[in-house]
Amino acid sequence: MAFLHNQTTLYVGNASGSGGTVTTATIGAVNYTIHTFTTNGTFSVVGGELAAEYFVLGGGGGGGNAASFYSAGGGGGEIKTANYTFETGSYTCTVAVPVLTSNGASSSISGVATSTGGGVAGGQSPVSPT
C-alpha cells in the first residue's frame, strides 16, 4: 500500500504526512514523497488537509491444495487507486498477509478504501484406476 503526494502543490496550509517507509521520487520535474506500508501501520496527517494518491492492493489467494494432483495459482487481490484529500488525523493501514491455501485477505486504509483479497485456487485429486 502506498501514498504519493506532490511536495510543492498538493499541501493545503502546512500539512504533512508521516508513517510507513518514506522515500522521494522525481517524476518529470515534480518531486513526490511516497509512504509505503508493507506491514500494518498508521498514516498520520498534521497541519491541515493533504491531497494524495493512494494505492491499495488486496492479498492474492493461495494456490490449490498441495495434496492435489492438479492445482492452480490463486486469484490476484483487488487493486484500488484514487486521489483523496486526507484531513488532519490518523488512518490505520491494514496490509494483507500472505496465505497458502485460502482466500487472500483484504488491505485497507480506515475510512477511505478497502481492497478485497483474491480467491483460493481449486485442485483436482488424481483418479484411481478402476
Protein backbone atom coordinates (compact mmCIF):
# COMPACT_ATOMS: atom_id res chain seq x y z
CA MET A 1 0.00 0.00 0.00
CA ALA A 2 1.38 3.41 -0.84
CA PHE A 3 0.57 7.10 -0.62
CA LEU A 4 2.06 9.51 -3.15
CA HIS A 5 1.90 13.26 -2.68
CA ASN A 6 3.42 16.20 -4.53
CA GLN A 7 5.84 18.08 -2.30
CA THR A 8 5.06 21.51 -3.71
CA THR A 9 1.47 21.93 -4.80
CA LEU A 10 -0.77 19.41 -3.05
CA TYR A 11 -0.41 20.68 0.50
CA VAL A 12 -3.09 22.94 1.94
CA GLY A 13 -1.61 25.11 4.68
CA ASN A 14 1.34 23.48 6.41
CA ALA A 15 0.07 19.91 6.06
CA SER A 16 2.43 16.97 6.12
CA GLY A 17 2.11 13.20 6.22
CA SER A 18 4.07 10.59 8.15
CA GLY A 19 4.17 6.84 8.50
CA GLY A 20 5.43 3.83 6.60
CA THR A 21 8.72 3.78 4.75
CA VAL A 22 9.23 7.25 3.30
CA THR A 23 11.04 7.75 0.00
CA THR A 24 11.11 10.52 -2.59
CA ALA A 25 10.94 10.46 -6.36
CA THR A 26 11.04 13.00 -9.14
CA ILE A 27 8.60 12.31 -11.97
CA GLY A 28 9.00 14.79 -14.78
CA ALA A 29 10.01 17.93 -12.92
CA VAL A 30 7.76 17.25 -9.92
CA ASN A 31 9.09 16.00 -6.56
CA TYR A 32 6.93 13.44 -4.72
CA THR A 33 7.02 11.92 -1.25
CA ILE A 34 5.99 8.26 -1.10
CA HIS A 35 4.82 6.49 2.08
CA THR A 36 4.91 2.69 1.61
CA PHE A 37 3.36 0.21 4.05
CA THR A 38 4.41 -3.45 3.83
CA THR A 39 3.06 -4.22 7.32
CA ASN A 40 0.23 -2.74 9.36
CA GLY A 41 0.79 0.84 10.47
CA THR A 42 -0.60 4.36 10.72
CA PHE A 43 -0.57 7.15 8.16
CA SER A 44 -0.84 10.48 10.01
CA VAL A 45 -1.63 13.93 8.64
CA VAL A 46 -0.90 17.09 10.63
CA GLY A 47 -1.24 20.80 9.89
CA GLY A 48 -4.25 20.76 7.56
CA GLU A 49 -5.52 18.82 4.55
CA LEU A 50 -3.17 16.73 2.40
CA ALA A 51 -4.11 15.78 -1.16
CA ALA A 52 -2.54 12.48 -2.17
CA GLU A 53 -2.98 9.49 -4.41
CA TYR A 54 -3.32 6.12 -2.69
CA PHE A 55 -2.75 2.59 -3.97
CA VAL A 56 -4.19 -0.35 -2.02
CA LEU A 57 -3.71 -3.99 -3.04
CA GLY A 58 -5.61 -6.90 -1.51
CA GLY A 59 -3.74 -10.13 -0.83
CA GLY A 60 -3.61 -12.80 -3.51
CA GLY A 61 -5.43 -16.07 -2.99
CA GLY A 62 -3.49 -19.20 -2.12
CA GLY A 63 -2.63 -21.95 -4.55
CA GLY A 64 -4.52 -25.24 -4.80
CA ASN A 65 -4.19 -27.90 -2.14
CA ALA A 66 -0.65 -29.29 -2.12
CA ALA A 67 -2.04 -32.85 -1.91
CA SER A 68 -3.91 -32.38 -5.18
CA PHE A 69 -2.50 -33.78 -8.38
CA TYR A 70 -3.63 -30.75 -10.38
CA SER A 71 -3.75 -27.33 -8.80
CA ALA A 72 -3.72 -23.74 -9.95
CA GLY A 73 -2.47 -20.44 -8.65
CA GLY A 74 -4.80 -18.25 -6.61
CA GLY A 75 -6.51 -15.13 -7.91
CA GLY A 76 -4.91 -11.72 -7.58
CA GLY A 77 -6.13 -9.26 -4.97
CA GLU A 78 -8.24 -6.24 -5.88
CA ILE A 79 -6.40 -3.00 -6.70
CA LYS A 80 -7.79 0.39 -5.70
CA THR A 81 -6.17 3.71 -6.50
CA ALA A 82 -7.58 7.22 -6.37
CA ASN A 83 -6.83 10.80 -5.46
CA TYR A 84 -8.05 11.70 -1.98
CA THR A 85 -7.80 14.66 0.37
CA PHE A 86 -6.76 13.40 3.79
CA GLU A 87 -7.97 15.50 6.73
CA THR A 88 -5.79 16.05 9.79
CA GLY A 89 -5.77 12.79 11.77
CA SER A 90 -4.60 9.20 11.79
CA TYR A 91 -5.50 6.49 9.30
CA THR A 92 -4.98 2.82 10.18
CA CYS A 93 -3.35 0.95 7.31
CA THR A 94 -4.00 -2.80 7.27
CA VAL A 95 -1.81 -4.82 4.91
CA ALA A 96 -2.92 -8.31 3.84
CA VAL A 97 -0.63 -11.11 4.99
CA PRO A 98 0.36 -13.95 2.63
CA VAL A 99 -1.80 -17.08 2.59
CA LEU A 100 -1.09 -20.59 1.36
CA THR A 101 -4.38 -22.40 0.81
CA SER A 102 -7.22 -19.94 1.47
CA ASN A 103 -8.72 -16.74 0.10
CA GLY A 104 -6.47 -13.67 0.21
CA ALA A 105 -7.02 -11.16 3.00
CA SER A 106 -8.17 -7.57 2.48
CA SER A 107 -5.96 -4.50 2.75
CA SER A 108 -7.42 -1.17 3.83
CA ILE A 109 -7.00 2.46 4.81
CA SER A 110 -9.51 3.09 7.61
CA GLY A 111 -12.47 5.13 6.42
CA VAL A 112 -11.04 5.55 2.91
CA ALA A 113 -10.68 2.31 0.94
CA THR A 114 -10.70 -1.48 1.21
CA SER A 115 -9.31 -3.88 -1.40
CA THR A 116 -10.55 -7.45 -1.10
CA GLY A 117 -8.29 -10.44 -1.43
CA GLY A 118 -8.24 -12.87 -4.34
CA GLY A 119 -9.84 -16.30 -4.31
CA VAL A 120 -8.10 -19.54 -3.46
CA ALA A 121 -7.36 -21.88 -6.36
CA GLY A 122 -9.03 -25.22 -6.82
CA GLY A 123 -7.32 -28.56 -7.07
CA GLN A 124 -8.10 -31.96 -8.57
CA SER A 125 -7.05 -35.16 -6.90
CA PRO A 126 -5.79 -37.93 -9.18
CA VAL A 127 -8.34 -40.50 -10.25
CA SER A 128 -7.67 -44.07 -9.14
CA PRO A 129 -7.87 -46.67 -11.89
CA THR A 130 -10.89 -48.96 -11.59
